Amino acid sequence: MARVRYLGPEPVTVPELGPERVVHPDEVVEVPDARFEGYVCQTSNWEAVEEPRPEETEAPTPAPRKSAAKPQKGD
């Protein structure tokens, strides 16, 4: 889950985070990764604290293989 900080001047109710969930000014909350952009695009109300992590299903890109050097013939 990603984390955002609420920048507004007064507490707000955020139903997406739970029933009756109230977020207070300067409070950091966890939000679903898929909804992270919906919060941080409201720059006057929210700021990013921790961005979503990359999908765990994505395997890291392997480094390209290098071929072994050919032995050089001596005179």
N, C-alpha and C. Protein backbone atom coordinates (compact mmCIF):
# COMPACT_ATOMS: atom_id res chain seq x y z
N MET A 1 0.83 -1.18 0.00
CA MET A 1 0.00 0.00 0.00
C MET A 1 0.89 1.25 0.00
N ALA A 2 0.40 2.27 -0.68
CA ALA A 2 1.10 3.54 -0.74
C ALA A 2 0.68 4.40 0.46
N ARG A 3 1.45 5.46 0.69
CA ARG A 3 1.13 6.34 1.82
C ARG A 3 1.11 7.79 1.35
N VAL A 4 0.13 8.54 1.86
CA VAL A 4 -0.02 9.95 1.53
C VAL A 4 -0.27 10.75 2.80
N ARG A 5 0.02 12.05 2.74
CA ARG A 5 -0.21 12.96 3.88
C ARG A 5 -1.33 13.93 3.48
N TYR A 6 -2.26 14.11 4.40
CA TYR A 6 -3.36 15.05 4.18
C TYR A 6 -2.89 16.46 4.53
N LEU A 7 -3.07 17.41 3.59
CA LEU A 7 -2.59 18.78 3.77
C LEU A 7 -3.69 19.78 4.08
N GLY A 8 -4.94 19.34 4.05
CA GLY A 8 -6.06 20.25 4.25
C GLY A 8 -6.08 20.88 5.63
N PRO A 9 -6.87 21.95 5.80
CA PRO A 9 -6.92 22.69 7.07
C PRO A 9 -7.84 22.07 8.12
N GLU A 10 -8.79 21.22 7.69
CA GLU A 10 -9.76 20.63 8.62
C GLU A 10 -9.85 19.12 8.39
N PRO A 11 -10.25 18.35 9.40
CA PRO A 11 -10.43 16.92 9.22
C PRO A 11 -11.46 16.62 8.12
N VAL A 12 -11.25 15.53 7.40
CA VAL A 12 -12.18 15.10 6.36
C VAL A 12 -12.51 13.62 6.55
N THR A 13 -13.70 13.22 6.12
CA THR A 13 -14.10 11.83 6.14
C THR A 13 -13.71 11.22 4.79
N VAL A 14 -13.02 10.09 4.82
CA VAL A 14 -12.58 9.41 3.59
C VAL A 14 -13.15 7.99 3.63
N PRO A 15 -14.37 7.79 3.10
CA PRO A 15 -15.02 6.48 3.17
C PRO A 15 -14.20 5.35 2.53
N GLU A 16 -13.42 5.67 1.53
CA GLU A 16 -12.60 4.66 0.86
C GLU A 16 -11.62 3.98 1.82
N LEU A 17 -11.24 4.67 2.86
CA LEU A 17 -10.27 4.13 3.81
C LEU A 17 -10.93 3.36 4.96
N GLY A 18 -12.22 3.36 5.01
CA GLY A 18 -12.94 2.62 6.05
C GLY A 18 -14.19 3.39 6.44
N PRO A 19 -15.17 2.68 7.00
CA PRO A 19 -16.40 3.37 7.38
C PRO A 19 -16.12 4.43 8.46
N GLU A 20 -16.64 5.60 8.20
CA GLU A 20 -16.50 6.69 9.17
C GLU A 20 -15.04 7.10 9.41
N ARG A 21 -14.13 6.81 8.46
CA ARG A 21 -12.70 7.11 8.64
C ARG A 21 -12.47 8.60 8.49
N VAL A 22 -11.97 9.24 9.54
CA VAL A 22 -11.67 10.67 9.52
C VAL A 22 -10.15 10.83 9.46
N VAL A 23 -9.70 11.67 8.53
CA VAL A 23 -8.27 11.96 8.38
C VAL A 23 -8.05 13.40 8.82
N HIS A 24 -7.10 13.59 9.70
CA HIS A 24 -6.81 14.92 10.26
C HIS A 24 -5.65 15.59 9.52
N PRO A 25 -5.57 16.93 9.59
CA PRO A 25 -4.47 17.64 8.94
C PRO A 25 -3.11 17.08 9.35
N ASP A 26 -2.24 16.93 8.38
CA ASP A 26 -0.86 16.44 8.55
C ASP A 26 -0.79 14.95 8.91
N GLU A 27 -1.91 14.24 8.81
CA GLU A 27 -1.91 12.80 9.10
C GLU A 27 -1.47 12.02 7.87
N VAL A 28 -0.66 10.99 8.08
CA VAL A 28 -0.22 10.10 7.00
C VAL A 28 -1.09 8.86 7.04
N VAL A 29 -1.65 8.50 5.88
CA VAL A 29 -2.52 7.33 5.80
C VAL A 29 -2.09 6.43 4.65
N GLU A 30 -2.41 5.14 4.76
CA GLU A 30 -2.16 4.20 3.68
C GLU A 30 -3.37 4.20 2.75
N VAL A 31 -3.09 4.19 1.45
CA VAL A 31 -4.15 4.15 0.44
C VAL A 31 -3.85 3.01 -0.52
N PRO A 32 -4.88 2.45 -1.15
CA PRO A 32 -4.64 1.38 -2.11
C PRO A 32 -3.72 1.87 -3.24
N ASP A 33 -2.78 1.02 -3.65
CA ASP A 33 -1.85 1.39 -4.72
C ASP A 33 -2.58 1.88 -5.97
N ALA A 34 -3.66 1.21 -6.31
CA ALA A 34 -4.40 1.57 -7.52
C ALA A 34 -5.04 2.95 -7.43
N ARG A 35 -5.22 3.49 -6.24
CA ARG A 35 -5.85 4.79 -6.04
C ARG A 35 -4.86 5.89 -5.69
N PHE A 36 -3.58 5.57 -5.60
CA PHE A 36 -2.55 6.53 -5.22
C PHE A 36 -2.61 7.81 -6.07
N GLU A 37 -2.68 7.65 -7.38
CA GLU A 37 -2.68 8.81 -8.28
C GLU A 37 -3.90 9.70 -8.04
N GLY A 38 -5.02 9.10 -7.64
CA GLY A 38 -6.23 9.87 -7.36
C GLY A 38 -6.07 10.80 -6.17
N TYR A 39 -5.16 10.48 -5.28
CA TYR A 39 -4.89 11.34 -4.13
C TYR A 39 -3.84 12.40 -4.49
N VAL A 40 -2.69 11.96 -5.00
CA VAL A 40 -1.59 12.90 -5.20
C VAL A 40 -1.84 13.89 -6.33
N CYS A 41 -2.83 13.63 -7.18
CA CYS A 41 -3.15 14.63 -8.22
C CYS A 41 -3.86 15.83 -7.61
N GLN A 42 -4.35 15.69 -6.39
CA GLN A 42 -4.99 16.80 -5.66
C GLN A 42 -3.92 17.47 -4.79
N THR A 43 -3.03 18.17 -5.43
CA THR A 43 -1.83 18.69 -4.76
C THR A 43 -2.11 19.67 -3.62
N SER A 44 -3.28 20.27 -3.60
CA SER A 44 -3.59 21.19 -2.50
C SER A 44 -4.10 20.43 -1.26
N ASN A 45 -4.43 19.14 -1.43
CA ASN A 45 -4.97 18.35 -0.32
C ASN A 45 -4.09 17.19 0.13
N TRP A 46 -3.30 16.63 -0.77
CA TRP A 46 -2.53 15.42 -0.46
C TRP A 46 -1.13 15.52 -1.02
N GLU A 47 -0.17 14.91 -0.33
CA GLU A 47 1.19 14.80 -0.88
C GLU A 47 1.67 13.36 -0.71
N ALA A 48 2.50 12.92 -1.63
CA ALA A 48 3.03 11.56 -1.59
C ALA A 48 4.03 11.43 -0.45
N VAL A 49 3.96 10.32 0.27
CA VAL A 49 4.93 10.00 1.31
C VAL A 49 5.70 8.75 0.87
N GLU A 50 4.97 7.76 0.39
CA GLU A 50 5.59 6.52 -0.09
C GLU A 50 4.80 6.05 -1.30
N GLU A 51 5.45 5.99 -2.45
CA GLU A 51 4.78 5.59 -3.68
C GLU A 51 4.51 4.09 -3.68
N PRO A 52 3.58 3.66 -4.53
CA PRO A 52 3.30 2.22 -4.62
C PRO A 52 4.55 1.46 -5.04
N ARG A 53 4.70 0.26 -4.52
CA ARG A 53 5.82 -0.59 -4.92
C ARG A 53 5.51 -1.22 -6.26
N PRO A 54 6.54 -1.57 -7.02
CA PRO A 54 6.30 -2.25 -8.29
C PRO A 54 5.58 -3.57 -8.04
N GLU A 55 4.82 -4.00 -9.02
CA GLU A 55 4.10 -5.27 -8.91
C GLU A 55 5.06 -6.39 -8.59
N GLU A 56 4.70 -7.23 -7.64
CA GLU A 56 5.57 -8.34 -7.26
C GLU A 56 5.56 -9.44 -8.30
N THR A 57 4.57 -9.41 -9.21
CA THR A 57 4.51 -10.43 -10.25
C THR A 57 5.54 -10.15 -11.35
N GLU A 58 6.02 -8.93 -11.42
CA GLU A 58 7.03 -8.59 -12.42
C GLU A 58 8.39 -9.10 -11.97
N ALA A 59 9.00 -9.91 -12.80
CA ALA A 59 10.34 -10.40 -12.49
C ALA A 59 11.35 -9.33 -12.88
N PRO A 60 12.41 -9.17 -12.13
CA PRO A 60 13.42 -8.19 -12.52
C PRO A 60 14.03 -8.57 -13.86
N THR A 61 14.39 -7.56 -14.62
CA THR A 61 15.00 -7.81 -15.93
C THR A 61 16.39 -8.38 -15.73
N PRO A 62 16.65 -9.58 -16.31
CA PRO A 62 17.98 -10.16 -16.14
C PRO A 62 19.03 -9.37 -16.92
N ALA A 63 20.23 -9.37 -16.42
CA ALA A 63 21.33 -8.70 -17.11
C ALA A 63 21.64 -9.46 -18.40
N PRO A 64 22.03 -8.75 -19.45
CA PRO A 64 22.36 -9.44 -20.69
C PRO A 64 23.57 -10.35 -20.50
N ARG A 65 23.53 -11.47 -21.16
CA ARG A 65 24.64 -12.42 -21.05
C ARG A 65 25.80 -11.97 -21.92
N LYS A 66 26.97 -12.19 -21.43
CA LYS A 66 28.18 -11.87 -22.22
C LYS A 66 28.79 -13.18 -22.66
N SER A 67 29.26 -13.18 -23.89
CA SER A 67 29.90 -14.40 -24.37
C SER A 67 31.32 -14.45 -23.82
N ALA A 68 31.80 -15.65 -23.65
CA ALA A 68 33.17 -15.84 -23.15
C ALA A 68 34.16 -15.37 -24.21
N ALA A 69 35.25 -14.82 -23.75
CA ALA A 69 36.28 -14.37 -24.68
C ALA A 69 36.94 -15.57 -25.34
N LYS A 70 37.22 -15.43 -26.62
CA LYS A 70 37.91 -16.52 -27.33
C LYS A 70 39.39 -16.46 -27.00
N PRO A 71 40.00 -17.63 -26.79
CA PRO A 71 41.44 -17.63 -26.51
C PRO A 71 42.20 -17.12 -27.73
N GLN A 72 43.25 -16.35 -27.48
CA GLN A 72 44.06 -15.83 -28.56
C GLN A 72 45.21 -16.79 -28.83
N LYS A 73 45.54 -16.96 -30.10
CA LYS A 73 46.65 -17.83 -30.46
C LYS A 73 47.95 -17.05 -30.37
N GLY A 74 48.93 -17.69 -29.78
CA GLY A 74 50.24 -17.07 -29.67
C GLY A 74 51.14 -17.49 -30.84
N ASP A 75 52.21 -16.76 -31.13
CA ASP A 75 53.11 -17.11 -32.24
C ASP A 75 54.09 -18.17 -31.84
